[in-house]
Amino acid sequence: MITHVVLFKLLPGVSPESRAALEFHAAMLELPRQIPLIRAWRCGFNTVADAQAADYLLVAEFDNQEDLFAYFEHPAHVAAVRCLDGVADLQFADLAG
């Protein structure tokens, strides 16, 4: 099992209520329906307002690294990442086990 964790920081001037952020969130919610390799999926806006905290997070699980890499290249994932342009920066990490 691979756990994929992504932390997103909204760019200055972008709020969680903005159209762009909400469109990104909608795209994220659709990915498990579009990519059958996803085994578990939780995403959403951070509930704690803190300048050091991420604004949005994703925790996903995949059976193995090959499935994770296939997810990265899936057209639906690529399209969702495109929604980030001008919206947020991200950092991610993957944990095996």
C-alpha atoms as a PDB file:
ATOM      1  CA  MET A   1       0.000   0.000   0.000  1.00  0.00           C
ATOM      2  CA  ILE A   2       1.211   3.511  -0.850  1.00  0.00           C
ATOM      3  CA  THR A   3      -0.197   6.545   0.968  1.00  0.00           C
ATOM      4  CA  HIS A   4       0.046   9.728  -1.092  1.00  0.00           C
ATOM      5  CA  VAL A   5      -0.206  12.990   0.894  1.00  0.00           C
ATOM      6  CA  VAL A   6      -0.391  16.403  -0.765  1.00  0.00           C
ATOM      7  CA  LEU A   7      -0.451  19.764   1.011  1.00  0.00           C
ATOM      8  CA  PHE A   8      -1.617  22.809  -0.951  1.00  0.00           C
ATOM      9  CA  LYS A   9      -0.970  26.438  -0.074  1.00  0.00           C
ATOM     10  CA  LEU A  10      -3.276  28.928  -1.777  1.00  0.00           C
ATOM     11  CA  LEU A  11      -1.500  31.759  -3.535  1.00  0.00           C
ATOM     12  CA  PRO A  12      -1.876  35.320  -2.234  1.00  0.00           C
ATOM     13  CA  GLY A  13      -5.261  36.724  -3.164  1.00  0.00           C
ATOM     14  CA  VAL A  14      -6.910  33.290  -3.525  1.00  0.00           C
ATOM     15  CA  SER A  15      -9.397  32.305  -0.831  1.00  0.00           C
ATOM     16  CA  PRO A  16     -11.047  28.928  -0.246  1.00  0.00           C
ATOM     17  CA  GLU A  17     -14.325  30.553  -1.315  1.00  0.00           C
ATOM     18  CA  SER A  18     -12.953  31.798  -4.629  1.00  0.00           C
ATOM     19  CA  ARG A  19     -14.319  30.356  -7.847  1.00  0.00           C
ATOM     20  CA  ALA A  20     -10.904  28.961  -8.825  1.00  0.00           C
ATOM     21  CA  ALA A  21     -10.415  27.179  -5.475  1.00  0.00           C
ATOM     22  CA  LEU A  22     -13.931  25.736  -5.582  1.00  0.00           C
ATOM     23  CA  GLU A  23     -13.431  24.515  -9.164  1.00  0.00           C
ATOM     24  CA  PHE A  24     -10.202  22.828  -8.099  1.00  0.00           C
ATOM     25  CA  HIS A  25     -11.988  21.178  -5.161  1.00  0.00           C
ATOM     26  CA  ALA A  26     -14.771  19.945  -7.449  1.00  0.00           C
ATOM     27  CA  ALA A  27     -12.174  18.431  -9.791  1.00  0.00           C
ATOM     28  CA  MET A  28     -10.479  16.712  -6.851  1.00  0.00           C
ATOM     29  CA  LEU A  29     -13.757  15.202  -5.669  1.00  0.00           C
ATOM     30  CA  GLU A  30     -14.302  13.648  -9.103  1.00  0.00           C
ATOM     31  CA  LEU A  31     -10.932  11.899  -9.377  1.00  0.00           C
ATOM     32  CA  PRO A  32     -11.873   8.691  -7.483  1.00  0.00           C
ATOM     33  CA  ARG A  33     -14.787   8.181  -9.904  1.00  0.00           C
ATOM     34  CA  GLN A  34     -12.516   8.697 -12.898  1.00  0.00           C
ATOM     35  CA  ILE A  35      -9.434   6.751 -11.785  1.00  0.00           C
ATOM     36  CA  PRO A  36     -10.181   3.205 -10.594  1.00  0.00           C
ATOM     37  CA  LEU A  37      -6.606   2.744  -9.291  1.00  0.00           C
ATOM     38  CA  ILE A  38      -7.453   4.959  -6.298  1.00  0.00           C
ATOM     39  CA  ARG A  39      -8.206   2.776  -3.236  1.00  0.00           C
ATOM     40  CA  ALA A  40      -8.962   5.535  -0.697  1.00  0.00           C
ATOM     41  CA  TRP A  41      -9.405   9.290  -1.076  1.00  0.00           C
ATOM     42  CA  ARG A  42      -9.925  12.171   1.349  1.00  0.00           C
ATOM     43  CA  CYS A  43      -9.491  15.789   0.378  1.00  0.00           C
ATOM     44  CA  GLY A  44     -10.686  19.177   1.477  1.00  0.00           C
ATOM     45  CA  PHE A  45      -9.933  22.605   2.850  1.00  0.00           C
ATOM     46  CA  ASN A  46      -8.107  22.927   6.157  1.00  0.00           C
ATOM     47  CA  THR A  47     -10.466  23.668   9.035  1.00  0.00           C
ATOM     48  CA  VAL A  48      -7.839  25.565  11.076  1.00  0.00           C
ATOM     49  CA  ALA A  49      -6.790  29.046   9.972  1.00  0.00           C
ATOM     50  CA  ASP A  50      -3.066  29.429  10.602  1.00  0.00           C
ATOM     51  CA  ALA A  51      -0.428  31.145   8.465  1.00  0.00           C
ATOM     52  CA  GLN A  52       1.888  28.127   8.785  1.00  0.00           C
ATOM     53  CA  ALA A  53      -0.768  25.562   7.896  1.00  0.00           C
ATOM     54  CA  ALA A  54      -1.608  24.232   4.465  1.00  0.00           C
ATOM     55  CA  ASP A  55      -4.920  25.445   3.055  1.00  0.00           C
ATOM     56  CA  TYR A  56      -5.995  22.181   1.427  1.00  0.00           C
ATOM     57  CA  LEU A  57      -4.932  18.592   1.732  1.00  0.00           C
ATOM     58  CA  LEU A  58      -5.254  15.257   0.026  1.00  0.00           C
ATOM     59  CA  VAL A  59      -4.649  11.798   1.465  1.00  0.00           C
ATOM     60  CA  ALA A  60      -4.947   8.986  -1.072  1.00  0.00           C
ATOM     61  CA  GLU A  61      -4.055   5.307  -1.113  1.00  0.00           C
ATOM     62  CA  PHE A  62      -2.895   3.080  -3.945  1.00  0.00           C
ATOM     63  CA  ASP A  63      -2.112  -0.630  -4.032  1.00  0.00           C
ATOM     64  CA  ASN A  64       1.478  -0.091  -5.163  1.00  0.00           C
ATOM     65  CA  GLN A  65       3.941   2.381  -6.641  1.00  0.00           C
ATOM     66  CA  GLU A  66       3.060   1.404 -10.203  1.00  0.00           C
ATOM     67  CA  ASP A  67      -0.567   2.397  -9.601  1.00  0.00           C
ATOM     68  CA  LEU A  68       0.558   5.689  -8.038  1.00  0.00           C
ATOM     69  CA  PHE A  69       2.703   6.480 -11.081  1.00  0.00           C
ATOM     70  CA  ALA A  70      -0.177   5.559 -13.417  1.00  0.00           C
ATOM     71  CA  TYR A  71      -2.396   7.944 -11.409  1.00  0.00           C
ATOM     72  CA  PHE A  72       0.149  10.748 -11.922  1.00  0.00           C
ATOM     73  CA  GLU A  73      -0.116  10.293 -15.697  1.00  0.00           C
ATOM     74  CA  HIS A  74      -3.892   9.729 -15.886  1.00  0.00           C
ATOM     75  CA  PRO A  75      -5.589  12.448 -18.002  1.00  0.00           C
ATOM     76  CA  ALA A  76      -8.085  13.266 -15.229  1.00  0.00           C
ATOM     77  CA  HIS A  77      -5.244  13.850 -12.750  1.00  0.00           C
ATOM     78  CA  VAL A  78      -3.332  15.961 -15.269  1.00  0.00           C
ATOM     79  CA  ALA A  79      -6.461  18.088 -15.820  1.00  0.00           C
ATOM     80  CA  ALA A  80      -6.991  18.528 -12.058  1.00  0.00           C
ATOM     81  CA  VAL A  81      -3.384  19.648 -11.634  1.00  0.00           C
ATOM     82  CA  ARG A  82      -3.910  22.202 -14.410  1.00  0.00           C
ATOM     83  CA  CYS A  83      -6.667  23.732 -12.245  1.00  0.00           C
ATOM     84  CA  LEU A  84      -3.914  24.707  -9.790  1.00  0.00           C
ATOM     85  CA  ASP A  85      -2.349  27.240 -12.167  1.00  0.00           C
ATOM     86  CA  GLY A  86      -2.611  30.577 -10.391  1.00  0.00           C
ATOM     87  CA  VAL A  87      -4.416  28.959  -7.436  1.00  0.00           C
ATOM     88  CA  ALA A  88      -1.985  27.058  -5.217  1.00  0.00           C
ATOM     89  CA  ASP A  89       1.464  25.619  -4.754  1.00  0.00           C
ATOM     90  CA  LEU A  90       1.862  22.071  -3.520  1.00  0.00           C
ATOM     91  CA  GLN A  91       4.191  19.662  -1.804  1.00  0.00           C
ATOM     92  CA  PHE A  92       3.702  15.922  -1.620  1.00  0.00           C
ATOM     93  CA  ALA A  93       5.149  12.824  -0.049  1.00  0.00           C
ATOM     94  CA  ASP A  94       4.491   9.117  -0.445  1.00  0.00           C
ATOM     95  CA  LEU A  95       4.679   6.502   2.292  1.00  0.00           C
ATOM     96  CA  ALA A  96       4.961   2.770   1.655  1.00  0.00           C
ATOM     97  CA  GLY A  97       3.480   0.243   4.010  1.00  0.00           C
END
